[in-house]
Each structure stands twice: as structure tokens, then as C-alpha cells.
């Protein structure tokens, strides 16, 4: 009987060897903690990745290790994954069709189109777009690239953790004790937690109105949750992947839930204090620390993953001006 899929450190190292020529090694910065009297925090600036999020790592890993037929590849996305697949497919000469829900932010849809993919905007939420994508794949034979629920995607996203740990050592900075990682469908947090394998405490961060991993951990299985959050276009999965949950149960410490108001405040703070412009999902991990949803111990060194830059600049301008 075949073993269940899993992702471990060796898989992530192998993924990095494949994708390294195609992705950016995103920088780290040290910044003051939003909690007075605590050590500086380590910010991994993954929003500077190609296409504006961490997603090209998994996209490239899929396309470089799985053969696409002449019809190309297909995926469903709230926006960031679709842009990443479109970017990677364009670089590798593969056709791509991306299904996005009607809640997807217009700048994200425009970016997918600019990278040359065919875009289908249909369905009220991400789950509807995924159902349409599944039907297209079954009919056409296109290579399906799931945004979070596959080993190839999880291993690709886990390379964020590999870089983070390596660069802290290379720069002579102290290691982090805890990594705060935003969660949508769970591919990113599963990959990073699989890499750190409890050498670092990994805490998932979800909006209160979109808590697929938190609910799955409580139920012991993936369950459907309602999705209503300012960050729903990037952290709006209706349920987590089974592989992601299995990894999370083993190596994710817990999930911290953040209110939409805290996410908006985090966006404002990141811009005003660090000139970092990020979308709501990209600010969620910082929001957990700044709002007290995650409370570190005295002396605990916290790392915050800043993961998505595809923000509506008009909305951000209004937010920071308020």
C-alpha cells in the first residue's frame, strides 16, 4: 500500500535546487518590535518575490518537475497564485488558464493578464473558481497546479523557510525562536513548518472571518468554513488541504486569529514606519504580533513573514491618509 504524501526537509532542499535559478532570494531586515521592550523582529520580505508574493516558488516547482501537455496548465486562484502561475508559465513557454472568483482584486486580475495567461473571472468565491478549474482540467487534460493542496506546491513554498534560516546565519544574525506565517489554504505555513521541523516554533495566522486551518485543527480534519474578511482574496480558502493539515498537526504550534481592523492597522503601520506597501494578507502576520493576537515571551525572537505586495494602491493611500 503506497504511503501518504508528505513533505520533509530533503524535499524542500531538492525543490530549492530546482527553482533557485528562477526565483528571487528575498531579503531580511531587522526592525523594532511593535511590543515595547522586546527584541528586534526579523522580517522576511517575500512580498518582493516575482509577481508580488511567495507563490512563484510553488508554481515553478510544479512546472519544472511535472510535464505540461500542449494544452498547458490550469489553476484557480484568488489572485496571487494565478499571477505566479502566469509568470512562471510565461517564463517557461507554457500556456496557462487561470480561474479567479469575482472577489479577486482588479490589480491582481490585471497582473495575471499582463503575464500572458488566459483569465476566467467567474464564481462568487475561491471555491467556485476551483470547481470550474477542476471541470476544465477533466475535460481538457491540462496540468492542474493547485495553489496549496499538493506536495509539489508545499515543497516549493517551504523554500522560504530554508532561505530565512540560511540568511540569518550568513548575516550573523541570531536565529528566530518563532515564525509568524499567514494562512490561506495552508501550503505556505505547511512548507515553512516542514522545513523548520520544530527547531523554530511556527504559528499560523488567519483572519477571524477566514479560519480554515484553525477550524480543521479543532475538528481533526478539513472542514468548510465561511469566508468573510478584508484579506479573503489571498487568505480566503474555504478549507485547507489534507496534506497541509497533516503537516500542521505535526509541526505547526497553533493558529492565531486576527481581526480585520488589526490587519488594516498593520498595513498602515508597515507603510508609515517601514515604507512597506502590502496587501491585507501580506500584513496579517505582522498584525498578529502588533495586536496581541500572538504574545511572545520576554526575550523571544520573533520572525514575521511579509508575503504579499499586490495591494490596491488607491485603497492603501486612503488607509494611510486616514
Protein backbone atom coordinates (compact mmCIF):
# COMPACT_ATOMS: atom_id res chain seq x y z
CA UNK A 1 0.00 0.00 0.00
CA UNK A 2 1.54 3.39 -1.01
CA UNK A 3 2.47 5.77 1.77
CA UNK A 4 0.60 9.02 2.28
CA UNK A 5 2.20 12.11 0.65
CA UNK A 6 4.47 14.07 2.93
CA UNK A 7 6.99 16.91 2.71
CA UNK A 8 10.21 16.91 4.69
CA UNK A 9 13.48 18.87 4.73
CA UNK A 10 15.05 16.81 1.93
CA UNK A 11 12.09 17.54 -0.36
CA UNK A 12 12.44 21.27 0.28
CA UNK A 13 16.20 21.22 -0.38
CA UNK A 14 15.53 19.37 -3.64
CA UNK A 15 12.85 21.89 -4.60
CA UNK A 16 15.21 24.79 -3.96
CA UNK A 17 17.88 23.26 -6.19
CA UNK A 18 15.30 23.20 -8.99
CA UNK A 19 13.73 26.64 -8.56
CA UNK A 20 16.70 28.73 -7.37
CA UNK A 21 17.64 29.99 -10.86
CA UNK A 22 14.07 31.21 -11.37
CA UNK A 23 13.13 32.94 -8.08
CA UNK A 24 14.47 35.84 -6.08
CA UNK A 25 16.30 35.24 -2.83
CA UNK A 26 14.26 37.80 -0.93
CA UNK A 27 15.93 39.93 1.76
CA UNK A 28 15.65 40.09 5.51
CA UNK A 29 15.51 43.23 7.62
CA UNK A 30 15.67 43.74 11.37
CA UNK A 31 13.04 46.10 12.76
CA UNK A 32 11.91 47.25 16.16
CA UNK A 33 9.21 45.14 17.74
CA UNK A 34 5.75 46.69 17.98
CA UNK A 35 5.83 45.46 21.60
CA UNK A 36 7.83 47.84 23.74
CA UNK A 37 10.91 46.37 25.39
CA UNK A 38 11.06 43.23 23.23
CA UNK A 39 13.94 42.18 20.93
CA UNK A 40 14.01 43.33 17.31
CA UNK A 41 11.95 41.25 14.91
CA UNK A 42 13.18 39.58 11.73
CA UNK A 43 11.09 40.46 8.68
CA UNK A 44 11.37 38.15 5.67
CA UNK A 45 10.41 40.38 2.73
CA UNK A 46 8.87 37.76 0.49
CA UNK A 47 6.48 40.33 -0.97
CA UNK A 48 9.48 41.34 -3.13
CA UNK A 49 9.30 37.97 -4.91
CA UNK A 50 8.45 37.88 -8.63
CA UNK A 51 4.73 38.57 -9.20
CA UNK A 52 4.42 40.14 -5.75
CA UNK A 53 4.10 37.12 -3.45
CA UNK A 54 5.74 33.87 -2.37
CA UNK A 55 3.65 31.91 -4.87
CA UNK A 56 6.18 31.62 -7.76
CA UNK A 57 8.17 29.16 -5.66
CA UNK A 58 5.42 26.55 -5.79
CA UNK A 59 4.46 27.47 -9.35
CA UNK A 60 7.96 26.99 -10.71
CA UNK A 61 8.42 23.77 -8.75
CA UNK A 62 5.27 22.33 -10.29
CA UNK A 63 6.12 23.37 -13.84
CA UNK A 64 9.76 22.27 -13.65
CA UNK A 65 9.03 18.83 -12.21
CA UNK A 66 5.72 17.91 -13.88
CA UNK A 67 5.32 17.81 -17.66
CA UNK A 68 2.56 20.01 -19.07
CA UNK A 69 0.68 18.81 -22.18
CA UNK A 70 0.31 21.03 -25.28
CA UNK A 71 -2.92 22.49 -23.86
CA UNK A 72 -0.84 23.83 -20.99
CA UNK A 73 -1.65 24.24 -17.31
CA UNK A 74 -4.64 25.49 -15.34
CA UNK A 75 -5.19 26.77 -11.85
CA UNK A 76 -7.71 28.51 -9.62
CA UNK A 77 -6.68 31.45 -7.52
CA UNK A 78 -7.81 34.43 -5.50
CA UNK A 79 -5.16 36.33 -7.43
CA UNK A 80 -1.61 35.84 -6.16
CA UNK A 81 -1.22 32.19 -7.13
CA UNK A 82 -2.74 32.91 -10.52
CA UNK A 83 -0.25 35.70 -11.12
CA UNK A 84 2.58 33.39 -10.07
CA UNK A 85 1.47 30.58 -12.39
CA UNK A 86 1.02 33.06 -15.23
CA UNK A 87 4.51 34.46 -14.58
CA UNK A 88 6.21 31.06 -14.33
CA UNK A 89 4.34 29.63 -17.30
CA UNK A 90 5.28 32.63 -19.42
CA UNK A 91 8.94 32.29 -18.50
CA UNK A 92 8.89 28.56 -19.32
CA UNK A 93 6.82 28.83 -22.51
CA UNK A 94 3.75 27.01 -21.17
CA UNK A 95 0.16 28.05 -21.85
CA UNK A 96 -1.84 28.91 -18.74
CA UNK A 97 -5.52 29.37 -17.95
CA UNK A 98 -6.36 30.93 -14.59
CA UNK A 99 -9.80 30.81 -12.95
CA UNK A 100 -10.44 33.59 -10.44
CA UNK A 101 -13.54 34.45 -8.40
CA UNK A 102 -15.40 37.71 -8.71
CA UNK A 103 -13.96 38.91 -5.37
CA UNK A 104 -10.43 38.95 -6.83
CA UNK A 105 -8.85 42.39 -6.70
CA UNK A 106 -8.71 44.12 -10.11
CA UNK A 107 -4.95 44.79 -9.83
CA UNK A 108 -4.37 41.05 -9.40
CA UNK A 109 -6.52 40.18 -12.42
CA UNK A 110 -4.68 42.79 -14.47
CA UNK A 111 -1.34 41.32 -13.43
CA UNK A 112 -2.38 37.79 -14.47
CA UNK A 113 -3.41 39.08 -17.88
CA UNK A 114 -0.19 41.10 -18.24
CA UNK A 115 1.84 37.93 -17.76
CA UNK A 116 0.04 36.39 -20.74
CA UNK A 117 -2.37 33.90 -19.16
CA UNK A 118 -5.99 33.45 -20.15
CA UNK A 119 -8.20 34.60 -17.27
CA UNK A 120 -11.69 33.32 -16.47
CA UNK A 121 -13.44 35.51 -13.88
CA UNK A 122 -16.42 33.57 -12.58
CA UNK A 123 -17.88 32.41 -9.25
CA UNK A 124 -18.61 34.21 -6.03
CA UNK A 125 -15.63 32.83 -4.07
CA UNK A 126 -12.39 30.91 -4.49
CA UNK A 127 -14.11 27.52 -4.07
CA UNK A 128 -16.34 28.28 -7.07
CA UNK A 129 -13.32 29.12 -9.22
CA UNK A 130 -11.64 25.88 -8.12
CA UNK A 131 -14.70 23.85 -9.16
CA UNK A 132 -14.64 25.48 -12.60
CA UNK A 133 -10.91 24.79 -12.90
CA UNK A 134 -11.39 21.14 -11.93
CA UNK A 135 -14.04 20.73 -14.61
CA UNK A 136 -11.79 22.30 -17.24
CA UNK A 137 -8.85 20.07 -16.29
CA UNK A 138 -11.04 16.95 -16.51
CA UNK A 139 -12.26 17.99 -19.95
CA UNK A 140 -9.02 19.30 -21.47
CA UNK A 141 -6.26 17.27 -19.82
CA UNK A 142 -4.43 20.43 -18.76
CA UNK A 143 -1.85 20.15 -15.98
CA UNK A 144 -3.56 21.18 -12.75
CA UNK A 145 -1.46 23.33 -10.42
CA UNK A 146 -3.18 23.52 -7.07
CA UNK A 147 -2.42 26.67 -5.07
CA UNK A 148 -1.84 24.81 -1.81
CA UNK A 149 -3.03 21.19 -1.65
CA UNK A 150 -0.16 19.35 -3.35
CA UNK A 151 3.27 18.14 -2.26
CA UNK A 152 5.00 19.96 -5.14
CA UNK A 153 3.44 23.25 -4.10
CA UNK A 154 4.16 22.78 -0.38
CA UNK A 155 7.80 21.86 -1.02
CA UNK A 156 8.23 24.94 -3.21
CA UNK A 157 6.75 27.25 -0.59
CA UNK A 158 8.91 25.65 2.09
CA UNK A 159 11.99 27.15 0.43
CA UNK A 160 11.02 30.43 2.11
CA UNK A 161 11.99 28.85 5.42
CA UNK A 162 15.23 27.44 4.00
CA UNK A 163 16.31 30.89 2.81
CA UNK A 164 15.25 32.57 6.03
CA UNK A 165 17.28 30.24 8.23
CA UNK A 166 20.32 30.26 5.93
CA UNK A 167 20.38 34.04 5.60
CA UNK A 168 20.11 34.68 9.32
CA UNK A 169 23.24 32.57 9.78
CA UNK A 170 25.01 34.09 6.76
CA UNK A 171 24.38 37.63 8.02
CA UNK A 172 25.47 36.79 11.57
CA UNK A 173 22.03 37.47 12.99
CA UNK A 174 20.59 35.46 15.88
CA UNK A 175 18.19 32.68 14.92
CA UNK A 176 14.48 33.23 15.40
CA UNK A 177 12.53 31.39 18.05
CA UNK A 178 9.13 31.82 16.38
CA UNK A 179 7.92 32.42 12.83
CA UNK A 180 4.52 34.04 12.22
CA UNK A 181 3.08 32.94 8.87
CA UNK A 182 -0.21 33.94 7.23
CA UNK A 183 -2.53 31.08 6.25
CA UNK A 184 -5.00 30.72 3.40
CA UNK A 185 -5.19 27.12 2.25
CA UNK A 186 -2.15 26.15 4.31
CA UNK A 187 0.52 25.50 1.68
CA UNK A 188 2.91 28.21 2.87
CA UNK A 189 2.66 27.50 6.59
CA UNK A 190 2.93 23.75 5.97
CA UNK A 191 6.04 24.18 3.85
CA UNK A 192 7.78 26.53 6.28
CA UNK A 193 6.83 24.38 9.29
CA UNK A 194 8.06 21.25 7.48
CA UNK A 195 11.39 22.99 6.92
CA UNK A 196 11.85 24.20 10.50
CA UNK A 197 10.53 20.89 11.91
CA UNK A 198 10.10 22.41 15.41
CA UNK A 199 13.60 23.93 15.51
CA UNK A 200 11.55 27.10 15.27
CA UNK A 201 8.01 27.46 16.60
CA UNK A 202 5.74 28.15 13.63
CA UNK A 203 2.45 29.94 14.32
CA UNK A 204 -0.17 30.23 11.61
CA UNK A 205 -2.09 33.49 11.35
CA UNK A 206 -5.63 33.64 9.97
CA UNK A 207 -8.29 36.35 9.80
CA UNK A 208 -11.12 35.79 12.24
CA UNK A 209 -13.51 35.62 9.29
CA UNK A 210 -11.47 33.09 7.31
CA UNK A 211 -10.13 30.43 9.65
CA UNK A 212 -9.84 27.23 7.62
CA UNK A 213 -6.74 25.85 9.37
CA UNK A 214 -7.90 26.78 12.87
CA UNK A 215 -11.21 25.00 12.26
CA UNK A 216 -9.51 21.96 10.74
CA UNK A 217 -7.13 21.60 13.68
CA UNK A 218 -10.09 21.74 16.06
CA UNK A 219 -12.07 19.18 14.05
CA UNK A 220 -9.15 16.90 13.26
CA UNK A 221 -9.99 17.04 9.53
CA UNK A 222 -10.50 19.62 6.77
CA UNK A 223 -13.87 21.33 7.20
CA UNK A 224 -15.63 24.05 5.22
CA UNK A 225 -15.73 27.47 6.85
CA UNK A 226 -17.45 30.72 5.91
CA UNK A 227 -15.14 33.27 4.32
CA UNK A 228 -15.61 36.95 5.06
CA UNK A 229 -12.52 39.06 5.54
CA UNK A 230 -10.69 42.07 4.14
CA UNK A 231 -7.96 39.53 3.26
CA UNK A 232 -10.27 36.99 1.58
CA UNK A 233 -8.74 37.39 -1.87
CA UNK A 234 -5.47 35.91 -0.58
CA UNK A 235 -6.39 34.19 2.70
CA UNK A 236 -9.86 33.04 1.69
CA UNK A 237 -9.70 29.27 1.27
CA UNK A 238 -12.95 27.54 2.24
CA UNK A 239 -10.99 24.57 3.60
CA UNK A 240 -7.35 23.51 3.94
CA UNK A 241 -5.70 20.69 2.05
CA UNK A 242 -5.45 17.29 3.73
CA UNK A 243 -1.66 17.20 3.30
CA UNK A 244 -1.33 20.69 4.74
CA UNK A 245 -3.41 19.74 7.77
CA UNK A 246 -1.37 16.59 8.35
CA UNK A 247 1.84 18.62 8.36
CA UNK A 248 0.30 21.34 10.51
CA UNK A 249 -0.86 18.86 13.13
CA UNK A 250 2.71 17.62 13.39
CA UNK A 251 4.79 20.80 13.28
CA UNK A 252 2.63 23.96 13.49
CA UNK A 253 2.37 25.14 17.09
CA UNK A 254 -1.05 26.78 16.82
CA UNK A 255 -3.08 29.36 14.91
CA UNK A 256 -3.53 32.98 15.98
CA UNK A 257 -6.68 34.73 14.76
CA UNK A 258 -6.63 38.42 13.83
CA UNK A 259 -9.46 40.88 13.31
CA UNK A 260 -9.79 42.75 10.03
CA UNK A 261 -9.31 46.02 11.91
CA UNK A 262 -5.93 44.76 13.16
CA UNK A 263 -4.90 43.83 9.62
CA UNK A 264 -5.75 47.31 8.35
CA UNK A 265 -3.81 48.86 11.21
CA UNK A 266 -0.84 46.63 10.37
CA UNK A 267 -0.92 47.75 6.73
CA UNK A 268 -0.88 51.37 7.90
CA UNK A 269 1.96 50.75 10.37
CA UNK A 270 4.13 48.88 7.88
CA UNK A 271 3.86 51.76 5.44
CA UNK A 272 4.28 54.59 7.93
CA UNK A 273 7.21 53.07 9.83
CA UNK A 274 8.98 50.92 7.22
CA UNK A 275 7.63 52.15 3.86
CA UNK A 276 6.40 48.63 3.12
CA UNK A 277 3.28 48.58 0.93
CA UNK A 278 1.45 45.27 1.24
CA UNK A 279 -1.99 43.82 0.69
CA UNK A 280 -4.12 42.79 3.69
CA UNK A 281 -3.00 39.16 3.55
CA UNK A 282 0.62 40.30 3.46
CA UNK A 283 0.12 42.28 6.66
CA UNK A 284 -1.71 39.57 8.61
CA UNK A 285 1.34 38.02 10.27
CA UNK A 286 2.57 41.41 11.48
CA UNK A 287 -0.96 42.15 12.70
CA UNK A 288 -0.86 39.11 14.96
CA UNK A 289 2.17 40.49 16.79
CA UNK A 290 1.14 44.14 16.82
CA UNK A 291 -2.42 43.45 18.01
CA UNK A 292 -1.51 40.96 20.72
CA UNK A 293 -3.15 38.00 18.98
CA UNK A 294 0.28 36.41 19.41
CA UNK A 295 2.07 37.31 22.65
CA UNK A 296 5.77 36.41 22.73
CA UNK A 297 7.64 35.69 25.91
CA UNK A 298 10.26 38.11 27.20
CA UNK A 299 13.39 37.69 25.10
CA UNK A 300 11.65 35.63 22.43
CA UNK A 301 12.97 36.40 18.93
CA UNK A 302 10.07 36.63 16.51
CA UNK A 303 10.21 36.38 12.75
CA UNK A 304 7.38 37.82 10.64
CA UNK A 305 6.80 36.75 7.06
CA UNK A 306 5.61 39.64 4.88
CA UNK A 307 4.23 37.66 1.99
CA UNK A 308 2.13 39.67 -0.48
CA UNK A 309 2.51 43.03 -2.26
CA UNK A 310 -0.44 43.02 -4.65
CA UNK A 311 -2.32 45.82 -2.95
CA UNK A 312 -4.83 48.25 -4.40
CA UNK A 313 -2.71 51.39 -4.15
CA UNK A 314 -5.71 53.72 -4.10
CA UNK A 315 -7.17 51.81 -1.16
CA UNK A 316 -3.81 51.82 0.62
CA UNK A 317 -3.42 55.57 0.05
CA UNK A 318 -6.80 56.17 1.62
CA UNK A 319 -5.92 53.93 4.54
CA UNK A 320 -2.60 55.56 5.38
CA UNK A 321 -4.02 59.05 4.94
CA UNK A 322 -6.78 58.37 7.48
